[in-house]
N, C-alpha and C. Protein backbone atom coordinates (compact mmCIF):
# COMPACT_ATOMS: atom_id res chain seq x y z
N PHE A 1 -53.15 124.97 -134.18
CA PHE A 1 -52.44 123.74 -133.97
C PHE A 1 -51.06 123.87 -134.58
N GLY A 2 -50.04 123.55 -133.81
CA GLY A 2 -48.69 123.68 -134.33
C GLY A 2 -47.74 122.70 -133.67
N LEU A 3 -46.46 122.96 -133.82
CA LEU A 3 -45.41 122.08 -133.31
C LEU A 3 -45.47 121.94 -131.79
N ALA A 4 -45.75 123.04 -131.08
CA ALA A 4 -45.82 122.97 -129.62
C ALA A 4 -46.93 122.03 -129.16
N GLU A 5 -48.07 122.08 -129.82
CA GLU A 5 -49.19 121.20 -129.45
C GLU A 5 -48.87 119.75 -129.79
N LEU A 6 -48.20 119.52 -130.90
CA LEU A 6 -47.80 118.16 -131.27
C LEU A 6 -46.84 117.59 -130.23
N ALA A 7 -45.88 118.39 -129.80
CA ALA A 7 -44.93 117.94 -128.78
C ALA A 7 -45.65 117.64 -127.46
N GLN A 8 -46.62 118.47 -127.12
CA GLN A 8 -47.39 118.25 -125.89
C GLN A 8 -48.18 116.95 -125.98
N MET A 9 -48.78 116.67 -127.12
CA MET A 9 -49.52 115.41 -127.29
C MET A 9 -48.59 114.21 -127.15
N LEU A 10 -47.43 114.28 -127.77
CA LEU A 10 -46.48 113.17 -127.68
C LEU A 10 -45.97 112.98 -126.26
N ARG A 11 -45.66 114.07 -125.58
CA ARG A 11 -45.15 113.99 -124.20
C ARG A 11 -46.19 113.37 -123.27
N THR A 12 -47.43 113.79 -123.37
CA THR A 12 -48.45 113.28 -122.46
C THR A 12 -48.86 111.85 -122.81
N ARG A 13 -48.54 111.41 -123.98
CA ARG A 13 -48.86 110.02 -124.37
C ARG A 13 -48.07 109.03 -123.53
N TRP A 14 -46.84 109.40 -123.14
CA TRP A 14 -45.97 108.47 -122.43
C TRP A 14 -45.76 108.83 -120.96
N THR A 15 -46.58 109.71 -120.43
CA THR A 15 -46.48 110.06 -119.02
C THR A 15 -47.83 109.80 -118.35
N SER A 16 -47.81 109.73 -117.03
CA SER A 16 -49.07 109.54 -116.32
C SER A 16 -49.77 110.89 -116.18
N GLY A 17 -51.06 110.85 -115.89
CA GLY A 17 -51.82 112.08 -115.72
C GLY A 17 -52.65 112.39 -116.95
N PRO A 18 -53.20 113.60 -116.99
CA PRO A 18 -54.06 113.98 -118.13
C PRO A 18 -53.29 113.92 -119.45
N ARG A 19 -54.00 113.57 -120.50
CA ARG A 19 -53.40 113.48 -121.82
C ARG A 19 -53.97 114.56 -122.73
N VAL A 20 -53.15 115.01 -123.62
CA VAL A 20 -53.58 115.97 -124.64
C VAL A 20 -53.83 115.18 -125.91
N GLU A 21 -55.02 115.30 -126.45
CA GLU A 21 -55.40 114.58 -127.66
C GLU A 21 -55.86 115.58 -128.71
N CYS A 22 -55.75 115.20 -129.94
CA CYS A 22 -56.22 116.03 -131.03
C CYS A 22 -56.88 115.13 -132.06
N GLY A 23 -57.95 115.60 -132.63
CA GLY A 23 -58.62 114.81 -133.64
C GLY A 23 -59.38 115.71 -134.60
N PHE A 24 -59.72 115.14 -135.71
CA PHE A 24 -60.47 115.88 -136.71
C PHE A 24 -61.69 115.06 -137.07
N ALA A 25 -62.81 115.70 -137.21
CA ALA A 25 -64.05 115.00 -137.55
C ALA A 25 -64.67 115.63 -138.77
N PRO A 26 -65.21 114.79 -139.66
CA PRO A 26 -65.92 115.34 -140.81
C PRO A 26 -67.13 116.15 -140.33
N ASP A 27 -67.59 117.01 -141.16
CA ASP A 27 -68.72 117.87 -140.81
C ASP A 27 -70.03 117.15 -141.13
N ASN A 28 -70.39 116.17 -140.26
CA ASN A 28 -71.68 115.52 -140.46
C ASN A 28 -72.34 115.29 -139.10
N ALA A 29 -73.64 115.18 -139.11
CA ALA A 29 -74.42 115.13 -137.87
C ALA A 29 -74.08 113.92 -137.01
N ARG A 30 -73.86 112.77 -137.60
CA ARG A 30 -73.57 111.56 -136.83
C ARG A 30 -72.27 111.71 -136.04
N ASP A 31 -71.22 112.19 -136.68
CA ASP A 31 -69.94 112.35 -135.99
C ASP A 31 -70.03 113.44 -134.91
N LEU A 32 -70.72 114.53 -135.20
CA LEU A 32 -70.87 115.59 -134.20
C LEU A 32 -71.67 115.09 -133.00
N SER A 33 -72.65 114.24 -133.24
CA SER A 33 -73.43 113.65 -132.16
C SER A 33 -72.56 112.75 -131.29
N GLU A 34 -71.68 111.99 -131.91
CA GLU A 34 -70.75 111.12 -131.17
C GLU A 34 -69.80 111.95 -130.31
N ILE A 35 -69.30 113.04 -130.83
CA ILE A 35 -68.42 113.92 -130.06
C ILE A 35 -69.18 114.50 -128.87
N ALA A 36 -70.43 114.91 -129.07
CA ALA A 36 -71.25 115.44 -127.98
C ALA A 36 -71.47 114.37 -126.91
N SER A 37 -71.71 113.13 -127.32
CA SER A 37 -71.91 112.04 -126.36
C SER A 37 -70.66 111.80 -125.53
N LEU A 38 -69.49 111.84 -126.16
CA LEU A 38 -68.23 111.66 -125.43
C LEU A 38 -68.03 112.78 -124.41
N ALA A 39 -68.34 114.01 -124.80
CA ALA A 39 -68.20 115.14 -123.88
C ALA A 39 -69.17 115.01 -122.72
N GLU A 40 -70.42 114.63 -123.00
CA GLU A 40 -71.42 114.47 -121.94
C GLU A 40 -71.03 113.37 -120.96
N ALA A 41 -70.37 112.32 -121.45
CA ALA A 41 -69.95 111.21 -120.60
C ALA A 41 -68.67 111.52 -119.84
N GLY A 42 -68.08 112.70 -120.07
CA GLY A 42 -66.85 113.08 -119.38
C GLY A 42 -65.60 112.44 -119.97
N GLN A 43 -65.72 111.81 -121.12
CA GLN A 43 -64.57 111.18 -121.77
C GLN A 43 -63.80 112.15 -122.65
N LEU A 44 -64.40 113.27 -122.93
CA LEU A 44 -63.77 114.31 -123.74
C LEU A 44 -64.04 115.63 -123.05
N ARG A 45 -62.99 116.29 -122.62
CA ARG A 45 -63.16 117.54 -121.89
C ARG A 45 -62.40 118.66 -122.61
N PRO A 46 -63.13 119.56 -123.24
CA PRO A 46 -62.45 120.67 -123.92
C PRO A 46 -61.81 121.61 -122.90
N VAL A 47 -60.72 122.19 -123.28
CA VAL A 47 -60.04 123.18 -122.44
C VAL A 47 -60.46 124.56 -122.94
N ILE A 48 -61.20 125.28 -122.11
CA ILE A 48 -61.69 126.60 -122.48
C ILE A 48 -60.90 127.64 -121.72
N GLY A 49 -60.19 128.47 -122.44
CA GLY A 49 -59.37 129.49 -121.82
C GLY A 49 -60.12 130.77 -121.54
N ALA A 50 -61.09 131.10 -122.38
CA ALA A 50 -61.86 132.34 -122.21
C ALA A 50 -63.20 132.21 -122.91
N ARG A 51 -64.20 132.89 -122.35
CA ARG A 51 -65.53 132.95 -122.96
C ARG A 51 -65.90 134.41 -123.18
N TYR A 52 -66.49 134.68 -124.33
CA TYR A 52 -66.93 136.03 -124.66
C TYR A 52 -68.35 135.96 -125.21
N SER A 53 -69.11 137.02 -124.99
CA SER A 53 -70.42 137.13 -125.63
C SER A 53 -70.18 137.62 -127.05
N LEU A 54 -71.19 137.46 -127.89
CA LEU A 54 -71.07 137.93 -129.26
C LEU A 54 -70.83 139.44 -129.31
N ASP A 55 -71.36 140.17 -128.33
CA ASP A 55 -71.14 141.61 -128.27
C ASP A 55 -69.68 141.97 -128.03
N ASP A 56 -68.90 141.03 -127.46
CA ASP A 56 -67.48 141.27 -127.15
C ASP A 56 -66.56 140.60 -128.17
N ILE A 57 -67.04 140.40 -129.39
CA ILE A 57 -66.27 139.69 -130.40
C ILE A 57 -64.93 140.38 -130.70
N VAL A 58 -64.90 141.69 -130.66
CA VAL A 58 -63.65 142.42 -130.94
C VAL A 58 -62.61 142.10 -129.86
N ALA A 59 -63.01 142.10 -128.60
CA ALA A 59 -62.09 141.76 -127.51
C ALA A 59 -61.62 140.32 -127.63
N ALA A 60 -62.51 139.43 -128.05
CA ALA A 60 -62.14 138.03 -128.23
C ALA A 60 -61.06 137.89 -129.30
N HIS A 61 -61.24 138.57 -130.42
CA HIS A 61 -60.23 138.52 -131.48
C HIS A 61 -58.90 139.09 -131.01
N ARG A 62 -58.94 140.18 -130.27
CA ARG A 62 -57.69 140.76 -129.75
C ARG A 62 -56.97 139.77 -128.84
N GLN A 63 -57.73 139.08 -127.99
CA GLN A 63 -57.13 138.12 -127.07
C GLN A 63 -56.48 136.97 -127.83
N VAL A 64 -57.17 136.45 -128.83
CA VAL A 64 -56.63 135.33 -129.62
C VAL A 64 -55.39 135.76 -130.39
N GLU A 65 -55.41 136.96 -130.94
CA GLU A 65 -54.29 137.44 -131.76
C GLU A 65 -53.12 137.94 -130.92
N SER A 66 -53.29 138.04 -129.61
CA SER A 66 -52.23 138.59 -128.76
C SER A 66 -51.07 137.64 -128.53
N GLY A 67 -51.22 136.38 -128.90
CA GLY A 67 -50.12 135.44 -128.73
C GLY A 67 -50.59 134.13 -128.16
N PRO A 68 -49.66 133.36 -127.61
CA PRO A 68 -50.02 132.03 -127.08
C PRO A 68 -51.13 132.12 -126.03
N LYS A 69 -51.98 131.11 -126.03
CA LYS A 69 -53.08 131.08 -125.08
C LYS A 69 -53.24 129.66 -124.57
N LEU A 70 -53.87 129.55 -123.43
CA LEU A 70 -54.15 128.24 -122.86
C LEU A 70 -55.64 127.95 -123.07
N GLY A 71 -55.95 126.98 -123.88
CA GLY A 71 -57.34 126.63 -124.13
C GLY A 71 -57.94 127.40 -125.29
N SER A 72 -59.15 127.01 -125.61
CA SER A 72 -59.87 127.63 -126.71
C SER A 72 -60.61 128.87 -126.24
N THR A 73 -60.85 129.76 -127.17
CA THR A 73 -61.67 130.93 -126.91
C THR A 73 -63.06 130.66 -127.45
N VAL A 74 -64.06 130.80 -126.60
CA VAL A 74 -65.44 130.47 -126.96
C VAL A 74 -66.24 131.77 -127.11
N ILE A 75 -66.97 131.85 -128.22
CA ILE A 75 -67.90 132.96 -128.43
C ILE A 75 -69.30 132.43 -128.19
N GLN A 76 -69.95 132.96 -127.19
CA GLN A 76 -71.31 132.53 -126.85
C GLN A 76 -72.29 133.35 -127.69
N VAL A 77 -72.93 132.67 -128.63
CA VAL A 77 -73.82 133.35 -129.57
C VAL A 77 -75.20 133.57 -128.96
N ALA A 78 -75.69 132.60 -128.19
CA ALA A 78 -77.01 132.72 -127.55
C ALA A 78 -76.91 132.18 -126.13
N MET A 79 -77.77 132.66 -125.28
CA MET A 79 -77.80 132.18 -123.89
C MET A 79 -78.34 130.76 -123.87
N PRO A 80 -77.72 129.85 -123.10
CA PRO A 80 -78.26 128.49 -123.01
C PRO A 80 -79.63 128.51 -122.33
N GLU A 81 -80.48 127.59 -122.76
CA GLU A 81 -81.83 127.51 -122.20
C GLU A 81 -81.86 126.60 -121.00
């Protein structure tokens, strides 16, 4: 998170279309459950730029460290059931 993201949040606040939001949540089960509920309801949509398996963790780190990226990099630790 940096100045570019702050500027993007401010710009999208006063324009039509998708908005960029940022928030911080304490590390507790109730708040994490609320965030999950918002995501499931489609009210919170994370931007995922790349997904890697745990076996590809080195490639994931290289991609993140290579410079600016669009979206978050996700490391998939286990296969979803």
